[in-house]
C-alpha atoms as a PDB file:
ATOM      1  CA  MET A   1     -83.546   0.286  20.067  1.00  0.00           C
ATOM      2  CA  ARG A   2     -81.034  -2.318  18.873  1.00  0.00           C
ATOM      3  CA  VAL A   3     -78.421  -1.454  16.277  1.00  0.00           C
ATOM      4  CA  LYS A   4     -79.197  -2.759  12.795  1.00  0.00           C
ATOM      5  CA  PHE A   5     -76.627  -2.947  10.020  1.00  0.00           C
ATOM      6  CA  GLN A   6     -76.680  -2.557   6.235  1.00  0.00           C
ATOM      7  CA  ALA A   7     -73.796  -3.937   4.183  1.00  0.00           C
ATOM      8  CA  ASP A   8     -72.621  -1.728   1.341  1.00  0.00           C
ATOM      9  CA  ALA A   9     -72.130  -3.390  -2.042  1.00  0.00           C
ATOM     10  CA  ASP A  10     -68.342  -3.131  -1.641  1.00  0.00           C
ATOM     11  CA  LEU A  11     -68.252  -4.836   1.774  1.00  0.00           C
ATOM     12  CA  ASN A  12     -66.565  -8.212   1.977  1.00  0.00           C
ATOM     13  CA  GLN A  13     -69.526 -10.566   2.436  1.00  0.00           C
ATOM     14  CA  ASP A  14     -67.426 -12.828   4.646  1.00  0.00           C
ATOM     15  CA  ILE A  15     -67.801 -10.116   7.298  1.00  0.00           C
ATOM     16  CA  VAL A  16     -71.597 -10.278   7.096  1.00  0.00           C
ATOM     17  CA  LYS A  17     -71.568 -14.073   7.166  1.00  0.00           C
ATOM     18  CA  GLY A  18     -69.159 -14.181  10.111  1.00  0.00           C
ATOM     19  CA  VAL A  19     -71.159 -11.687  12.167  1.00  0.00           C
ATOM     20  CA  ARG A  20     -74.377 -13.593  11.505  1.00  0.00           C
ATOM     21  CA  ARG A  21     -72.693 -16.883  12.378  1.00  0.00           C
ATOM     22  CA  ARG A  22     -71.528 -15.530  15.742  1.00  0.00           C
ATOM     23  CA  ILE A  23     -74.808 -13.772  16.588  1.00  0.00           C
ATOM     24  CA  PRO A  24     -77.662 -15.292  14.570  1.00  0.00           C
ATOM     25  CA  GLU A  25     -80.211 -12.798  15.918  1.00  0.00           C
ATOM     26  CA  ILE A  26     -78.263  -9.767  14.653  1.00  0.00           C
ATOM     27  CA  ASP A  27     -80.002  -7.751  11.953  1.00  0.00           C
ATOM     28  CA  PHE A  28     -77.318  -7.342   9.266  1.00  0.00           C
ATOM     29  CA  GLN A  29     -78.840  -6.980   5.810  1.00  0.00           C
ATOM     30  CA  THR A  30     -76.778  -7.802   2.738  1.00  0.00           C
ATOM     31  CA  ALA A  31     -76.364  -5.332  -0.107  1.00  0.00           C
ATOM     32  CA  GLU A  32     -78.051  -7.832  -2.391  1.00  0.00           C
ATOM     33  CA  ALA A  33     -81.137  -8.058  -0.169  1.00  0.00           C
ATOM     34  CA  ALA A  34     -81.390  -4.258  -0.131  1.00  0.00           C
ATOM     35  CA  GLY A  35     -80.794  -3.907  -3.887  1.00  0.00           C
ATOM     36  CA  LEU A  36     -77.750  -1.649  -3.482  1.00  0.00           C
ATOM     37  CA  GLU A  37     -75.641  -2.876  -6.395  1.00  0.00           C
ATOM     38  CA  GLY A  38     -74.944  -0.047  -8.839  1.00  0.00           C
ATOM     39  CA  LEU A  39     -76.439   2.705  -6.673  1.00  0.00           C
ATOM     40  CA  ASP A  40     -74.501   5.850  -5.832  1.00  0.00           C
ATOM     41  CA  ASP A  41     -73.479   6.659  -2.262  1.00  0.00           C
ATOM     42  CA  GLN A  42     -76.343   9.109  -1.674  1.00  0.00           C
ATOM     43  CA  GLU A  43     -78.919   6.478  -2.667  1.00  0.00           C
ATOM     44  CA  VAL A  44     -77.237   3.848  -0.494  1.00  0.00           C
ATOM     45  CA  LEU A  45     -77.194   6.213   2.490  1.00  0.00           C
ATOM     46  CA  ALA A  46     -80.881   7.029   1.941  1.00  0.00           C
ATOM     47  CA  ILE A  47     -81.887   3.360   1.862  1.00  0.00           C
ATOM     48  CA  ALA A  48     -79.913   2.646   5.051  1.00  0.00           C
ATOM     49  CA  ALA A  49     -81.401   5.724   6.744  1.00  0.00           C
ATOM     50  CA  ASP A  50     -84.955   4.833   5.716  1.00  0.00           C
ATOM     51  CA  GLU A  51     -84.573   1.491   7.513  1.00  0.00           C
ATOM     52  CA  TYR A  52     -82.555   3.015  10.373  1.00  0.00           C
ATOM     53  CA  ARG A  53     -79.521   0.844   9.641  1.00  0.00           C
ATOM     54  CA  ILE A  54     -75.870   1.690  10.157  1.00  0.00           C
ATOM     55  CA  LEU A  55     -74.143   1.377   6.805  1.00  0.00           C
ATOM     56  CA  VAL A  56     -71.010  -0.802   6.897  1.00  0.00           C
ATOM     57  CA  SER A  57     -68.634  -0.095   4.023  1.00  0.00           C
ATOM     58  CA  HIS A  58     -65.057  -0.384   2.788  1.00  0.00           C
ATOM     59  CA  ASP A  59     -65.477   2.840   0.750  1.00  0.00           C
ATOM     60  CA  ARG A  60     -63.111   5.132   2.618  1.00  0.00           C
ATOM     61  CA  ARG A  61     -62.370   7.065  -0.589  1.00  0.00           C
ATOM     62  CA  THR A  62     -65.772   8.663  -1.280  1.00  0.00           C
ATOM     63  CA  MET A  63     -68.227   7.691   1.460  1.00  0.00           C
ATOM     64  CA  ALA A  64     -67.063  10.245   4.052  1.00  0.00           C
ATOM     65  CA  HIS A  65     -67.616  13.123   1.624  1.00  0.00           C
ATOM     66  CA  HIS A  66     -71.040  11.846   0.560  1.00  0.00           C
ATOM     67  CA  PHE A  67     -71.968  11.211   4.180  1.00  0.00           C
ATOM     68  CA  GLY A  68     -71.207  14.853   5.022  1.00  0.00           C
ATOM     69  CA  ASP A  69     -73.443  16.016   2.185  1.00  0.00           C
ATOM     70  CA  PHE A  70     -76.168  13.572   3.218  1.00  0.00           C
ATOM     71  CA  ILE A  71     -76.370  14.635   6.865  1.00  0.00           C
ATOM     72  CA  SER A  72     -76.620  18.289   5.871  1.00  0.00           C
ATOM     73  CA  GLY A  73     -80.148  17.450   4.701  1.00  0.00           C
ATOM     74  CA  ARG A  74     -81.292  14.645   6.982  1.00  0.00           C
ATOM     75  CA  ASP A  75     -80.220  12.313   9.759  1.00  0.00           C
ATOM     76  CA  CYS A  76     -78.292   9.117   9.169  1.00  0.00           C
ATOM     77  CA  PRO A  77     -78.040   6.218  11.643  1.00  0.00           C
ATOM     78  CA  GLY A  78     -74.274   6.229  11.037  1.00  0.00           C
ATOM     79  CA  VAL A  79     -71.568   4.679   8.917  1.00  0.00           C
ATOM     80  CA  PHE A  80     -68.909   2.171   9.908  1.00  0.00           C
ATOM     81  CA  LEU A  81     -65.905   2.364   7.590  1.00  0.00           C
ATOM     82  CA  ILE A  82     -63.696  -0.705   7.580  1.00  0.00           C
ATOM     83  CA  SER A  83     -60.279  -0.493   5.996  1.00  0.00           C
ATOM     84  CA  LYS A  84     -59.701  -3.203   3.411  1.00  0.00           C
ATOM     85  CA  ARG A  85     -56.460  -3.893   5.282  1.00  0.00           C
ATOM     86  CA  THR A  86     -58.436  -4.855   8.381  1.00  0.00           C
ATOM     87  CA  GLY A  87     -58.713  -8.605   8.637  1.00  0.00           C
ATOM     88  CA  VAL A  88     -62.128 -10.216   8.309  1.00  0.00           C
ATOM     89  CA  ARG A  89     -61.899 -11.696  11.800  1.00  0.00           C
ATOM     90  CA  GLU A  90     -60.983  -8.318  13.328  1.00  0.00           C
ATOM     91  CA  ALA A  91     -63.895  -6.601  11.542  1.00  0.00           C
ATOM     92  CA  ILE A  92     -66.273  -9.296  12.766  1.00  0.00           C
ATOM     93  CA  ASP A  93     -64.955  -8.967  16.328  1.00  0.00           C
ATOM     94  CA  GLU A  94     -65.499  -5.187  16.323  1.00  0.00           C
ATOM     95  CA  ILE A  95     -69.080  -5.401  15.022  1.00  0.00           C
ATOM     96  CA  VAL A  96     -69.910  -8.205  17.452  1.00  0.00           C
ATOM     97  CA  LEU A  97     -68.628  -6.027  20.317  1.00  0.00           C
ATOM     98  CA  VAL A  98     -70.674  -2.995  19.233  1.00  0.00           C
ATOM     99  CA  TRP A  99     -73.999  -4.756  18.793  1.00  0.00           C
ATOM    100  CA  PRO A 100     -74.893  -5.751  22.376  1.00  0.00           C
ATOM    101  CA  ALA A 101     -73.201  -2.763  24.000  1.00  0.00           C
ATOM    102  CA  SER A 102     -74.732   0.056  21.979  1.00  0.00           C
ATOM    103  CA  GLY A 103     -78.023   1.679  21.235  1.00  0.00           C
ATOM    104  CA  ALA A 104     -78.865   2.789  17.720  1.00  0.00           C
ATOM    105  CA  VAL A 105     -78.877   6.492  18.611  1.00  0.00           C
ATOM    106  CA  GLU A 106     -75.227   6.416  19.720  1.00  0.00           C
ATOM    107  CA  TYR A 107     -74.024   6.513  16.108  1.00  0.00           C
ATOM    108  CA  LEU A 108     -76.525   9.034  14.746  1.00  0.00           C
ATOM    109  CA  ASN A 109     -74.794  11.233  12.134  1.00  0.00           C
ATOM    110  CA  GLN A 110     -71.374   9.753  12.915  1.00  0.00           C
ATOM    111  CA  ILE A 111     -68.725   7.908  10.973  1.00  0.00           C
ATOM    112  CA  VAL A 112     -66.838   5.262  12.925  1.00  0.00           C
ATOM    113  CA  THR A 113     -63.677   3.693  11.561  1.00  0.00           C
ATOM    114  CA  ILE A 114     -62.956   0.064  12.256  1.00  0.00           C
ATOM    115  CA  PRO A 115     -60.821  -1.011  13.943  1.00  0.00           C
ATOM    116  CA  LEU A 116     -62.106   1.195  16.767  1.00  0.00           C
END
């Protein structure tokens, strides 16, 4: 099963656009398309999990804690946390490298920080 991604509402949308531009067939849903704006972390994680999407977020402050709580009750396809100090191009490069080389189950219940 191919990796699918879900952008968090705080994610720089230039990352989503850049990934899609490099690999048009990648499944990277925007926060707007998923209706994530204004939702708390638990709700965002649930929506991503329901669609078996890895959540991609800049929220290094609270997401790790909420992720831990979330996986105590159910599985999560994973979370990629990207530092806001990471350049857009570097974030795009990392996601583009992960997509063809990984299966969705490799990130189950894991948090991955980018850069790798």
